[in-house]
Amino acid sequence: MIDLFSKVRASEINLLPYDGEVNYYGRLFSSQQASHYYDTLFHHIEWRNDEAVIFGKRIITKRKVAWYGDMEFEYTYSNVTKLALPWTKALLELKAVAEQKTGETYNSCLLNLYHSGEEGMAWHSDGEKDLKKNGAIGSMSFGAERKFSFKHKQNKQIVSVILEHGSLLVMKDTTQTHWLHRLPPTKLVTKPRVNLTFRTIVL
């Protein structure tokens, strides 16, 4: 757990004990601002049910996704390729906040819409060839608070954090090489969550 009474800012604390860096910045917006962005993203993003091809079979998930970027970037994961849509005004505003807070730059964003806690994400790492190697991924959350976990690929150590409404978490350096992450499902959460993951695609 982060000691909020420490003189060191929470965002300067690496949540991982080794082999990577994850910084949690906490809430960046007031409740009113966060709710405004949540409503805007929920209603005005071009959401589509996510797809995956597993052992040659196409799977359609309940979770919805959207892919935006500086240009029509192709992004392939789970054997499915997506073509980036042009940025919306709200996404550009949020990208600017993420860049200002983290000192990083991003050229694309993969969004996820989880309708309730029963929708989650299995253990994985974001190591697709389209992504900048060891580049930063800024994860911004709106809506229901959810637990987010990391598991070391070798010794299986687990580190978890609660992602708050209007918060930012950044994964960088060798995190994707050595750690898996997931959004565990839970029946305790009944409200939706919108997650933005700002990324850098390398052409």
N, C-alpha and C. Protein backbone atom coordinates (compact mmCIF):
# COMPACT_ATOMS: atom_id res chain seq x y z
N MET A 1 0.84 -1.20 0.00
CA MET A 1 0.00 0.00 0.00
C MET A 1 0.88 1.25 0.00
N ILE A 2 0.41 2.30 -0.70
CA ILE A 2 1.13 3.55 -0.72
C ILE A 2 0.87 4.31 0.57
N ASP A 3 1.95 4.81 1.18
CA ASP A 3 1.81 5.63 2.37
C ASP A 3 1.52 7.05 1.93
N LEU A 4 0.25 7.46 2.03
CA LEU A 4 -0.14 8.78 1.55
C LEU A 4 0.40 9.90 2.43
N PHE A 5 0.92 9.56 3.60
CA PHE A 5 1.45 10.56 4.50
C PHE A 5 2.94 10.77 4.31
N SER A 6 3.53 10.03 3.39
CA SER A 6 4.94 10.19 3.11
C SER A 6 5.20 11.54 2.46
N LYS A 7 6.38 12.08 2.71
CA LYS A 7 6.76 13.35 2.08
C LYS A 7 7.04 13.16 0.60
N VAL A 8 7.28 11.93 0.19
CA VAL A 8 7.51 11.63 -1.22
C VAL A 8 6.16 11.55 -1.92
N ARG A 9 6.02 12.24 -3.04
CA ARG A 9 4.77 12.19 -3.79
C ARG A 9 4.48 10.75 -4.22
N ALA A 10 3.22 10.38 -4.15
CA ALA A 10 2.84 9.00 -4.48
C ALA A 10 3.30 8.62 -5.88
N SER A 11 3.24 9.57 -6.83
CA SER A 11 3.60 9.27 -8.21
C SER A 11 5.08 8.97 -8.38
N GLU A 12 5.90 9.31 -7.38
CA GLU A 12 7.33 9.04 -7.46
C GLU A 12 7.68 7.65 -6.92
N ILE A 13 6.69 6.97 -6.36
CA ILE A 13 6.92 5.65 -5.79
C ILE A 13 6.67 4.59 -6.85
N ASN A 14 7.65 3.71 -7.03
CA ASN A 14 7.49 2.60 -7.96
C ASN A 14 6.73 1.48 -7.26
N LEU A 15 5.56 1.11 -7.80
CA LEU A 15 4.75 0.07 -7.17
C LEU A 15 5.40 -1.31 -7.28
N LEU A 16 6.27 -1.48 -8.29
CA LEU A 16 6.93 -2.77 -8.48
C LEU A 16 8.23 -2.84 -7.68
N PRO A 17 8.52 -3.97 -7.06
CA PRO A 17 9.74 -4.09 -6.25
C PRO A 17 11.01 -4.20 -7.09
N TYR A 18 10.88 -4.62 -8.35
CA TYR A 18 12.04 -4.80 -9.23
C TYR A 18 11.54 -5.09 -10.65
N ASP A 19 12.48 -5.07 -11.61
CA ASP A 19 12.22 -5.52 -12.99
C ASP A 19 11.14 -4.71 -13.71
N GLY A 20 11.02 -3.42 -13.42
CA GLY A 20 10.04 -2.60 -14.11
C GLY A 20 9.68 -1.38 -13.29
N GLU A 21 8.86 -0.51 -13.87
CA GLU A 21 8.44 0.68 -13.14
C GLU A 21 6.97 0.97 -13.41
N VAL A 22 6.21 1.11 -12.34
CA VAL A 22 4.80 1.47 -12.41
C VAL A 22 4.55 2.58 -11.40
N ASN A 23 4.04 3.71 -11.88
CA ASN A 23 3.75 4.86 -11.02
C ASN A 23 2.25 5.13 -11.03
N TYR A 24 1.68 5.31 -9.85
CA TYR A 24 0.26 5.61 -9.72
C TYR A 24 0.11 7.06 -9.27
N TYR A 25 -0.51 7.87 -10.10
CA TYR A 25 -0.65 9.31 -9.84
C TYR A 25 -1.92 9.65 -9.06
N GLY A 26 -2.79 8.66 -8.87
CA GLY A 26 -4.04 8.94 -8.17
C GLY A 26 -4.99 9.75 -9.02
N ARG A 27 -5.93 10.41 -8.37
CA ARG A 27 -6.95 11.19 -9.08
C ARG A 27 -6.34 12.48 -9.62
N LEU A 28 -6.57 12.74 -10.89
CA LEU A 28 -6.07 13.97 -11.51
C LEU A 28 -7.17 15.01 -11.69
N PHE A 29 -8.43 14.60 -11.49
CA PHE A 29 -9.57 15.47 -11.76
C PHE A 29 -10.49 15.53 -10.54
N SER A 30 -11.26 16.60 -10.47
CA SER A 30 -12.31 16.66 -9.45
C SER A 30 -13.38 15.63 -9.82
N SER A 31 -14.24 15.30 -8.87
CA SER A 31 -15.31 14.33 -9.14
C SER A 31 -16.19 14.79 -10.29
N GLN A 32 -16.47 16.10 -10.34
CA GLN A 32 -17.31 16.66 -11.40
C GLN A 32 -16.62 16.55 -12.76
N GLN A 33 -15.33 16.88 -12.82
CA GLN A 33 -14.59 16.76 -14.08
C GLN A 33 -14.51 15.31 -14.55
N ALA A 34 -14.20 14.41 -13.61
CA ALA A 34 -14.07 13.00 -13.95
C ALA A 34 -15.39 12.45 -14.49
N SER A 35 -16.50 12.83 -13.85
CA SER A 35 -17.81 12.36 -14.30
C SER A 35 -18.17 12.92 -15.66
N HIS A 36 -17.76 14.15 -15.92
CA HIS A 36 -17.98 14.75 -17.25
C HIS A 36 -17.27 13.94 -18.32
N TYR A 37 -15.99 13.60 -18.08
CA TYR A 37 -15.24 12.82 -19.07
C TYR A 37 -15.81 11.41 -19.21
N TYR A 38 -16.22 10.83 -18.10
CA TYR A 38 -16.83 9.49 -18.15
C TYR A 38 -18.06 9.50 -19.06
N ASP A 39 -18.95 10.47 -18.85
CA ASP A 39 -20.18 10.54 -19.66
C ASP A 39 -19.85 10.78 -21.13
N THR A 40 -18.88 11.66 -21.39
CA THR A 40 -18.50 11.97 -22.77
C THR A 40 -17.94 10.74 -23.47
N LEU A 41 -17.04 10.03 -22.79
CA LEU A 41 -16.43 8.85 -23.39
C LEU A 41 -17.45 7.72 -23.56
N PHE A 42 -18.28 7.53 -22.56
CA PHE A 42 -19.28 6.45 -22.60
C PHE A 42 -20.22 6.62 -23.80
N HIS A 43 -20.62 7.87 -24.07
CA HIS A 43 -21.66 8.10 -25.08
C HIS A 43 -21.12 8.47 -26.46
N HIS A 44 -19.88 8.94 -26.56
CA HIS A 44 -19.44 9.49 -27.84
C HIS A 44 -18.22 8.79 -28.45
N ILE A 45 -17.72 7.76 -27.80
CA ILE A 45 -16.66 6.95 -28.41
C ILE A 45 -17.30 5.89 -29.30
N GLU A 46 -16.66 5.55 -30.41
CA GLU A 46 -17.20 4.54 -31.32
C GLU A 46 -16.84 3.14 -30.82
N TRP A 47 -17.57 2.71 -29.80
CA TRP A 47 -17.30 1.43 -29.17
C TRP A 47 -17.68 0.26 -30.09
N ARG A 48 -16.87 -0.81 -30.03
CA ARG A 48 -17.17 -2.06 -30.73
C ARG A 48 -16.83 -3.22 -29.80
N ASN A 49 -17.59 -4.30 -29.88
CA ASN A 49 -17.24 -5.48 -29.10
C ASN A 49 -15.86 -5.96 -29.53
N ASP A 50 -15.02 -6.30 -28.56
CA ASP A 50 -13.68 -6.75 -28.90
C ASP A 50 -13.72 -8.15 -29.50
N GLU A 51 -12.72 -8.44 -30.32
CA GLU A 51 -12.62 -9.73 -30.98
C GLU A 51 -11.24 -10.34 -30.74
N ALA A 52 -11.19 -11.64 -30.74
CA ALA A 52 -9.92 -12.36 -30.64
C ALA A 52 -10.04 -13.64 -31.46
N VAL A 53 -8.93 -14.04 -32.08
CA VAL A 53 -8.89 -15.31 -32.80
C VAL A 53 -8.01 -16.26 -32.00
N ILE A 54 -8.64 -17.27 -31.41
CA ILE A 54 -7.93 -18.22 -30.55
C ILE A 54 -8.08 -19.62 -31.14
N PHE A 55 -6.93 -20.23 -31.46
CA PHE A 55 -6.92 -21.54 -32.11
C PHE A 55 -7.82 -21.57 -33.34
N GLY A 56 -7.77 -20.46 -34.10
CA GLY A 56 -8.52 -20.38 -35.34
C GLY A 56 -9.99 -20.04 -35.19
N LYS A 57 -10.44 -19.86 -33.95
CA LYS A 57 -11.85 -19.55 -33.72
C LYS A 57 -12.00 -18.10 -33.29
N ARG A 58 -12.92 -17.37 -33.93
CA ARG A 58 -13.15 -15.96 -33.62
C ARG A 58 -14.06 -15.84 -32.40
N ILE A 59 -13.57 -15.14 -31.39
CA ILE A 59 -14.32 -14.94 -30.14
C ILE A 59 -14.75 -13.47 -30.04
N ILE A 60 -16.01 -13.24 -29.72
CA ILE A 60 -16.52 -11.88 -29.51
C ILE A 60 -16.74 -11.68 -28.01
N THR A 61 -16.16 -10.62 -27.45
CA THR A 61 -16.28 -10.38 -26.01
C THR A 61 -17.42 -9.41 -25.70
N LYS A 62 -17.90 -9.45 -24.46
CA LYS A 62 -18.88 -8.46 -24.00
C LYS A 62 -18.21 -7.09 -23.87
N ARG A 63 -16.95 -7.12 -23.42
CA ARG A 63 -16.19 -5.88 -23.26
C ARG A 63 -16.07 -5.18 -24.61
N LYS A 64 -16.20 -3.86 -24.60
CA LYS A 64 -16.09 -3.11 -25.84
C LYS A 64 -14.78 -2.32 -25.88
N VAL A 65 -14.30 -2.08 -27.09
CA VAL A 65 -13.03 -1.39 -27.26
C VAL A 65 -13.15 -0.33 -28.35
N ALA A 66 -12.16 0.56 -28.40
CA ALA A 66 -12.03 1.55 -29.47
C ALA A 66 -10.55 1.91 -29.59
N TRP A 67 -10.13 2.29 -30.78
CA TRP A 67 -8.72 2.54 -31.07
C TRP A 67 -8.60 3.86 -31.83
N TYR A 68 -7.87 4.82 -31.24
CA TYR A 68 -7.71 6.16 -31.81
C TYR A 68 -6.22 6.50 -31.91
N GLY A 69 -5.88 7.43 -32.82
CA GLY A 69 -4.47 7.78 -32.94
C GLY A 69 -4.21 8.97 -33.84
N ASP A 70 -2.91 9.35 -33.91
CA ASP A 70 -2.48 10.48 -34.73
C ASP A 70 -2.75 10.25 -36.21
N MET A 71 -2.72 8.99 -36.63
CA MET A 71 -3.01 8.63 -38.02
C MET A 71 -3.66 7.25 -38.01
N GLU A 72 -3.93 6.70 -39.17
CA GLU A 72 -4.63 5.40 -39.22
C GLU A 72 -3.68 4.26 -38.89
N PHE A 73 -3.14 4.28 -37.67
CA PHE A 73 -2.24 3.22 -37.24
C PHE A 73 -2.96 1.88 -37.25
N GLU A 74 -2.25 0.85 -37.66
CA GLU A 74 -2.74 -0.51 -37.48
C GLU A 74 -2.20 -1.04 -36.16
N TYR A 75 -3.05 -1.74 -35.42
CA TYR A 75 -2.61 -2.33 -34.15
C TYR A 75 -3.17 -3.73 -34.09
N THR A 76 -2.29 -4.71 -33.96
CA THR A 76 -2.70 -6.11 -33.97
C THR A 76 -2.45 -6.76 -32.62
N TYR A 77 -3.48 -7.33 -32.02
CA TYR A 77 -3.34 -8.15 -30.82
C TYR A 77 -4.43 -9.21 -30.86
N SER A 78 -4.17 -10.34 -30.22
CA SER A 78 -5.09 -11.48 -30.25
C SER A 78 -5.46 -11.86 -31.68
N ASN A 79 -4.48 -11.66 -32.60
CA ASN A 79 -4.64 -12.03 -34.01
C ASN A 79 -5.72 -11.24 -34.74
N VAL A 80 -6.06 -10.06 -34.21
CA VAL A 80 -7.03 -9.18 -34.87
C VAL A 80 -6.39 -7.80 -35.04
N THR A 81 -6.54 -7.22 -36.23
CA THR A 81 -5.94 -5.91 -36.53
C THR A 81 -7.01 -4.82 -36.51
N LYS A 82 -6.69 -3.73 -35.80
CA LYS A 82 -7.59 -2.59 -35.73
C LYS A 82 -6.95 -1.40 -36.44
N LEU A 83 -7.79 -0.50 -37.00
CA LEU A 83 -7.33 0.70 -37.68
C LEU A 83 -7.76 1.90 -36.85
N ALA A 84 -6.81 2.77 -36.51
CA ALA A 84 -7.08 3.87 -35.59
C ALA A 84 -8.01 4.92 -36.20
N LEU A 85 -8.94 5.40 -35.37
CA LEU A 85 -9.83 6.50 -35.72
C LEU A 85 -9.16 7.83 -35.35
N PRO A 86 -9.59 8.95 -35.95
CA PRO A 86 -9.02 10.25 -35.58
C PRO A 86 -9.44 10.66 -34.16
N TRP A 87 -8.53 11.36 -33.47
CA TRP A 87 -8.78 11.79 -32.10
C TRP A 87 -10.08 12.60 -31.97
N THR A 88 -10.77 12.44 -30.86
CA THR A 88 -11.87 13.32 -30.50
C THR A 88 -11.31 14.45 -29.65
N LYS A 89 -12.09 15.50 -29.45
CA LYS A 89 -11.67 16.63 -28.62
C LYS A 89 -11.37 16.18 -27.20
N ALA A 90 -12.22 15.35 -26.62
CA ALA A 90 -12.03 14.89 -25.25
C ALA A 90 -10.75 14.05 -25.13
N LEU A 91 -10.51 13.18 -26.10
CA LEU A 91 -9.31 12.34 -26.04
C LEU A 91 -8.04 13.16 -26.14
N LEU A 92 -8.05 14.20 -26.97
CA LEU A 92 -6.88 15.08 -27.06
C LEU A 92 -6.64 15.82 -25.75
N GLU A 93 -7.71 16.24 -25.10
CA GLU A 93 -7.58 16.90 -23.80
C GLU A 93 -6.96 15.95 -22.78
N LEU A 94 -7.43 14.72 -22.75
CA LEU A 94 -6.94 13.74 -21.78
C LEU A 94 -5.51 13.31 -22.10
N LYS A 95 -5.19 13.20 -23.37
CA LYS A 95 -3.82 12.87 -23.78
C LYS A 95 -2.86 13.96 -23.31
N ALA A 96 -3.26 15.22 -23.44
CA ALA A 96 -2.42 16.34 -23.01
C ALA A 96 -2.17 16.29 -21.51
N VAL A 97 -3.19 15.93 -20.74
CA VAL A 97 -3.04 15.81 -19.28
C VAL A 97 -2.06 14.69 -18.95
N ALA A 98 -2.23 13.54 -19.60
CA ALA A 98 -1.34 12.39 -19.35
C ALA A 98 0.10 12.73 -19.72
N GLU A 99 0.30 13.42 -20.81
CA GLU A 99 1.66 13.78 -21.23
C GLU A 99 2.28 14.79 -20.28
N GLN A 100 1.48 15.76 -19.85
CA GLN A 100 2.00 16.78 -18.93
C GLN A 100 2.39 16.16 -17.59
N LYS A 101 1.58 15.25 -17.10
CA LYS A 101 1.84 14.64 -15.79
C LYS A 101 3.03 13.69 -15.82
N THR A 102 3.19 12.97 -16.91
CA THR A 102 4.20 11.91 -16.95
C THR A 102 5.49 12.31 -17.66
N GLY A 103 5.44 13.40 -18.43
CA GLY A 103 6.62 13.77 -19.19
C GLY A 103 6.86 12.87 -20.40
N GLU A 104 5.88 12.05 -20.74
CA GLU A 104 5.97 11.14 -21.88
C GLU A 104 5.14 11.70 -23.04
N THR A 105 5.31 11.13 -24.23
CA THR A 105 4.45 11.48 -25.35
C THR A 105 3.78 10.21 -25.86
N TYR A 106 2.57 10.36 -26.37
CA TYR A 106 1.78 9.23 -26.86
C TYR A 106 1.19 9.58 -28.21
N ASN A 107 1.05 8.60 -29.10
CA ASN A 107 0.46 8.88 -30.41
C ASN A 107 -0.80 8.06 -30.69
N SER A 108 -1.27 7.33 -29.67
CA SER A 108 -2.45 6.48 -29.88
C SER A 108 -3.08 6.13 -28.54
N CYS A 109 -4.30 5.61 -28.62
CA CYS A 109 -5.01 5.25 -27.38
C CYS A 109 -5.96 4.08 -27.65
N LEU A 110 -5.81 3.03 -26.85
CA LEU A 110 -6.74 1.90 -26.88
C LEU A 110 -7.68 2.06 -25.69
N LEU A 111 -8.98 2.14 -25.96
CA LEU A 111 -9.97 2.31 -24.89
C LEU A 111 -10.72 1.02 -24.65
N ASN A 112 -11.07 0.78 -23.39
CA ASN A 112 -11.87 -0.38 -23.01
C ASN A 112 -13.08 0.07 -22.21
N LEU A 113 -14.22 -0.53 -22.49
CA LEU A 113 -15.44 -0.28 -21.73
C LEU A 113 -15.87 -1.58 -21.06
N TYR A 114 -15.80 -1.58 -19.72
CA TYR A 114 -16.24 -2.73 -18.92
C TYR A 114 -17.61 -2.37 -18.34
N HIS A 115 -18.65 -3.12 -18.70
CA HIS A 115 -20.01 -2.75 -18.30
C HIS A 115 -20.27 -3.00 -16.81
N SER A 116 -19.53 -3.93 -16.22
CA SER A 116 -19.66 -4.23 -14.79
C SER A 116 -18.40 -4.96 -14.34
N GLY A 117 -18.34 -5.26 -13.05
CA GLY A 117 -17.17 -5.96 -12.53
C GLY A 117 -17.03 -7.38 -13.05
N GLU A 118 -18.08 -7.92 -13.62
CA GLU A 118 -18.00 -9.28 -14.14
C GLU A 118 -17.19 -9.35 -15.44
N GLU A 119 -16.93 -8.20 -16.04
CA GLU A 119 -16.07 -8.13 -17.22
C GLU A 119 -14.67 -7.71 -16.76
N GLY A 120 -13.65 -8.45 -17.17
CA GLY A 120 -12.29 -8.15 -16.76
C GLY A 120 -11.32 -8.45 -17.88
N MET A 121 -10.07 -8.60 -17.50
CA MET A 121 -9.00 -8.89 -18.46
C MET A 121 -8.08 -9.93 -17.84
N ALA A 122 -7.76 -10.98 -18.60
CA ALA A 122 -6.90 -12.05 -18.09
C ALA A 122 -5.44 -11.58 -18.05
N TRP A 123 -4.59 -12.36 -17.38
CA TRP A 123 -3.17 -12.04 -17.29
C TRP A 123 -2.57 -11.91 -18.70
N HIS A 124 -1.84 -10.83 -18.94
CA HIS A 124 -1.17 -10.61 -20.21
C HIS A 124 -0.13 -9.51 -20.04
N SER A 125 0.71 -9.34 -21.05
CA SER A 125 1.60 -8.18 -21.10
C SER A 125 1.45 -7.54 -22.46
N ASP A 126 1.67 -6.23 -22.53
CA ASP A 126 1.50 -5.48 -23.77
C ASP A 126 2.83 -5.43 -24.51
N GLY A 127 3.15 -6.53 -25.19
CA GLY A 127 4.43 -6.62 -25.87
C GLY A 127 4.31 -6.74 -27.37
N GLU A 128 3.20 -6.22 -27.94
CA GLU A 128 2.99 -6.34 -29.37
C GLU A 128 4.09 -5.62 -30.14
N LYS A 129 4.43 -6.13 -31.31
CA LYS A 129 5.53 -5.58 -32.11
C LYS A 129 5.26 -4.15 -32.57
N ASP A 130 3.98 -3.76 -32.62
CA ASP A 130 3.66 -2.39 -33.06
C ASP A 130 4.03 -1.35 -32.01
N LEU A 131 4.17 -1.76 -30.74
CA LEU A 131 4.41 -0.82 -29.65
C LEU A 131 5.89 -0.51 -29.49
N LYS A 132 6.18 0.71 -29.07
CA LYS A 132 7.55 1.10 -28.75
C LYS A 132 8.07 0.21 -27.63
N LYS A 133 9.22 -0.44 -27.84
CA LYS A 133 9.76 -1.35 -26.83
C LYS A 133 10.15 -0.58 -25.57
N ASN A 134 9.70 -1.05 -24.42
CA ASN A 134 9.94 -0.41 -23.12
C ASN A 134 9.36 1.00 -23.05
N GLY A 135 8.44 1.30 -23.96
CA GLY A 135 7.79 2.61 -23.94
C GLY A 135 6.76 2.69 -22.82
N ALA A 136 6.37 3.92 -22.50
CA ALA A 136 5.39 4.13 -21.43
C ALA A 136 3.97 3.88 -21.94
N ILE A 137 3.13 3.30 -21.08
CA ILE A 137 1.70 3.16 -21.34
C ILE A 137 0.98 3.85 -20.20
N GLY A 138 0.22 4.89 -20.54
CA GLY A 138 -0.51 5.64 -19.53
C GLY A 138 -1.95 5.17 -19.46
N SER A 139 -2.35 4.65 -18.31
CA SER A 139 -3.69 4.09 -18.13
C SER A 139 -4.56 5.03 -17.30
N MET A 140 -5.59 5.60 -17.92
CA MET A 140 -6.48 6.54 -17.25
C MET A 140 -7.84 5.88 -17.05
N SER A 141 -8.42 6.02 -15.86
CA SER A 141 -9.65 5.31 -15.51
C SER A 141 -10.77 6.28 -15.13
N PHE A 142 -11.98 5.96 -15.60
CA PHE A 142 -13.17 6.73 -15.25
C PHE A 142 -14.31 5.76 -14.95
N GLY A 143 -15.09 6.09 -13.94
CA GLY A 143 -16.21 5.23 -13.57
C GLY A 143 -15.90 4.40 -12.34
N ALA A 144 -16.35 3.16 -12.34
CA ALA A 144 -16.21 2.30 -11.17
C ALA A 144 -14.75 2.07 -10.80
N GLU A 145 -14.47 2.08 -9.51
CA GLU A 145 -13.13 1.74 -9.04
C GLU A 145 -12.91 0.24 -9.23
N ARG A 146 -11.72 -0.11 -9.73
CA ARG A 146 -11.41 -1.53 -9.94
C ARG A 146 -10.00 -1.83 -9.45
N LYS A 147 -9.82 -3.05 -9.01
CA LYS A 147 -8.50 -3.55 -8.63
C LYS A 147 -7.72 -3.91 -9.90
N PHE A 148 -6.43 -3.58 -9.90
CA PHE A 148 -5.54 -3.86 -11.03
C PHE A 148 -4.31 -4.55 -10.48
N SER A 149 -3.93 -5.68 -11.06
CA SER A 149 -2.87 -6.50 -10.48
C SER A 149 -1.73 -6.77 -11.46
N PHE A 150 -0.53 -6.93 -10.88
CA PHE A 150 0.66 -7.31 -11.63
C PHE A 150 1.19 -8.63 -11.06
N LYS A 151 1.72 -9.49 -11.95
CA LYS A 151 2.31 -10.75 -11.50
C LYS A 151 3.65 -10.95 -12.21
N HIS A 152 4.71 -11.15 -11.42
CA HIS A 152 6.03 -11.36 -12.00
C HIS A 152 6.05 -12.67 -12.77
N LYS A 153 6.64 -12.64 -13.97
CA LYS A 153 6.60 -13.82 -14.84
C LYS A 153 7.41 -15.00 -14.29
N GLN A 154 8.43 -14.72 -13.49
CA GLN A 154 9.28 -15.78 -12.98
C GLN A 154 8.85 -16.27 -11.60
N ASN A 155 8.83 -15.36 -10.61
CA ASN A 155 8.56 -15.81 -9.24
C ASN A 155 7.09 -15.69 -8.83
N LYS A 156 6.24 -15.18 -9.73
CA LYS A 156 4.79 -15.12 -9.52
C LYS A 156 4.36 -14.16 -8.42
N GLN A 157 5.25 -13.30 -7.95
CA GLN A 157 4.85 -12.30 -6.95
C GLN A 157 3.77 -11.40 -7.52
N ILE A 158 2.78 -11.05 -6.69
CA ILE A 158 1.65 -10.24 -7.14
C ILE A 158 1.64 -8.89 -6.40
N VAL A 159 1.41 -7.83 -7.17
CA VAL A 159 1.27 -6.47 -6.63
C VAL A 159 -0.05 -5.91 -7.17
N SER A 160 -0.86 -5.32 -6.29
CA SER A 160 -2.17 -4.81 -6.72
C SER A 160 -2.37 -3.36 -6.28
N VAL A 161 -3.22 -2.66 -7.02
CA VAL A 161 -3.57 -1.28 -6.70
C VAL A 161 -5.03 -1.06 -7.09
N ILE A 162 -5.72 -0.17 -6.38
CA ILE A 162 -7.09 0.18 -6.73
C ILE A 162 -7.06 1.42 -7.62
N LEU A 163 -7.64 1.31 -8.82
CA LEU A 163 -7.66 2.43 -9.75
C LEU A 163 -8.93 3.25 -9.53
N GLU A 164 -8.75 4.50 -9.15
CA GLU A 164 -9.86 5.36 -8.78
C GLU A 164 -10.46 6.09 -9.99
N HIS A 165 -11.63 6.65 -9.79
CA HIS A 165 -12.35 7.44 -10.79
C HIS A 165 -11.53 8.70 -11.11
N GLY A 166 -11.09 8.83 -12.37
CA GLY A 166 -10.31 10.00 -12.76
C GLY A 166 -8.83 9.89 -12.45
N SER A 167 -8.32 8.66 -12.34
CA SER A 167 -6.92 8.44 -11.95
C SER A 167 -6.04 8.07 -13.14
N LEU A 168 -4.72 8.13 -12.90
CA LEU A 168 -3.73 7.79 -13.93
C LEU A 168 -2.68 6.87 -13.34
N LEU A 169 -2.38 5.78 -14.07
CA LEU A 169 -1.31 4.86 -13.73
C LEU A 169 -0.42 4.71 -14.97
N VAL A 170 0.89 4.68 -14.78
CA VAL A 170 1.81 4.55 -15.91
C VAL A 170 2.72 3.34 -15.73
N MET A 171 2.78 2.50 -16.77
CA MET A 171 3.69 1.36 -16.81
C MET A 171 4.81 1.69 -17.80
N LYS A 172 6.07 1.47 -17.42
CA LYS A 172 7.15 1.80 -18.34
C LYS A 172 8.40 0.95 -18.09
N ASP A 173 9.44 1.26 -18.85
CA ASP A 173 10.71 0.54 -18.80
C ASP A 173 10.49 -0.95 -19.08
N THR A 174 11.01 -1.84 -18.26
CA THR A 174 10.93 -3.28 -18.57
C THR A 174 9.72 -3.97 -17.95
N THR A 175 8.70 -3.20 -17.57
CA THR A 175 7.51 -3.79 -16.94
C THR A 175 6.88 -4.88 -17.81
N GLN A 176 6.69 -4.61 -19.10
CA GLN A 176 6.02 -5.58 -19.97
C GLN A 176 6.86 -6.83 -20.20
N THR A 177 8.19 -6.68 -20.09
CA THR A 177 9.09 -7.83 -20.28
C THR A 177 9.01 -8.80 -19.11
N HIS A 178 8.90 -8.28 -17.89
CA HIS A 178 9.02 -9.12 -16.70
C HIS A 178 7.71 -9.34 -15.93
N TRP A 179 6.68 -8.53 -16.22
CA TRP A 179 5.43 -8.62 -15.45
C TRP A 179 4.22 -8.81 -16.36
N LEU A 180 3.27 -9.60 -15.90
CA LEU A 180 1.94 -9.67 -16.48
C LEU A 180 1.03 -8.73 -15.71
N HIS A 181 -0.08 -8.32 -16.30
CA HIS A 181 -1.07 -7.54 -15.55
C HIS A 181 -2.47 -8.00 -15.94
N ARG A 182 -3.42 -7.73 -15.06
CA ARG A 182 -4.80 -8.11 -15.36
C ARG A 182 -5.77 -7.23 -14.58
N LEU A 183 -7.02 -7.24 -15.03
CA LEU A 183 -8.13 -6.61 -14.33
C LEU A 183 -9.03 -7.75 -13.86
N PRO A 184 -8.89 -8.18 -12.59
CA PRO A 184 -9.65 -9.35 -12.14
C PRO A 184 -11.15 -9.07 -12.09
N PRO A 185 -11.97 -10.00 -12.55
CA PRO A 185 -13.43 -9.82 -12.47
C PRO A 185 -13.90 -9.90 -11.02
N THR A 186 -15.00 -9.21 -10.74
CA THR A 186 -15.58 -9.22 -9.40
C THR A 186 -17.08 -8.98 -9.50
N LYS A 187 -17.83 -9.68 -8.68
CA LYS A 187 -19.28 -9.47 -8.65
C LYS A 187 -19.67 -8.32 -7.73
N LEU A 188 -18.69 -7.75 -7.04
CA LEU A 188 -18.95 -6.66 -6.10
C LEU A 188 -19.13 -5.32 -6.80
N VAL A 189 -18.68 -5.22 -8.06
CA VAL A 189 -18.80 -3.97 -8.81
C VAL A 189 -19.89 -4.13 -9.86
N THR A 190 -20.87 -3.24 -9.82
CA THR A 190 -22.01 -3.35 -10.74
C THR A 190 -22.04 -2.23 -11.78
N LYS A 191 -21.20 -1.21 -11.61
CA LYS A 191 -21.22 -0.06 -12.51
C LYS A 191 -20.11 -0.16 -13.57
N PRO A 192 -20.27 0.55 -14.68
CA PRO A 192 -19.27 0.49 -15.76
C PRO A 192 -17.97 1.23 -15.41
N ARG A 193 -16.93 0.89 -16.15
CA ARG A 193 -15.64 1.58 -16.07
C ARG A 193 -15.12 1.78 -17.48
N VAL A 194 -14.64 3.00 -17.74
CA VAL A 194 -13.99 3.31 -19.01
C VAL A 194 -12.49 3.46 -18.74
N ASN A 195 -11.69 2.75 -19.51
CA ASN A 195 -10.23 2.79 -19.34
C ASN A 195 -9.57 3.23 -20.64
N LEU A 196 -8.66 4.19 -20.54
CA LEU A 196 -7.90 4.67 -21.68
C LEU A 196 -6.44 4.26 -21.49
N THR A 197 -5.85 3.63 -22.48
CA THR A 197 -4.43 3.31 -22.39
C THR A 197 -3.69 4.01 -23.52
N PHE A 198 -3.00 5.10 -23.15
CA PHE A 198 -2.25 5.88 -24.12
C PHE A 198 -0.94 5.16 -24.42
N ARG A 199 -0.61 5.04 -25.70
CA ARG A 199 0.51 4.22 -26.14
C ARG A 199 1.30 4.94 -27.23
N THR A 200 2.46 4.35 -27.57
CA THR A 200 3.25 4.86 -28.69
C THR A 200 3.44 3.74 -29.71
N ILE A 201 2.89 3.95 -30.90
CA ILE A 201 3.06 3.00 -32.00
C ILE A 201 4.31 3.39 -32.78
N VAL A 202 5.10 2.41 -33.14
CA VAL A 202 6.32 2.64 -33.92
C VAL A 202 6.08 2.16 -35.35
N LEU A 203 6.28 3.04 -36.30
CA LEU A 203 6.05 2.69 -37.71
C LEU A 203 7.26 1.96 -38.29
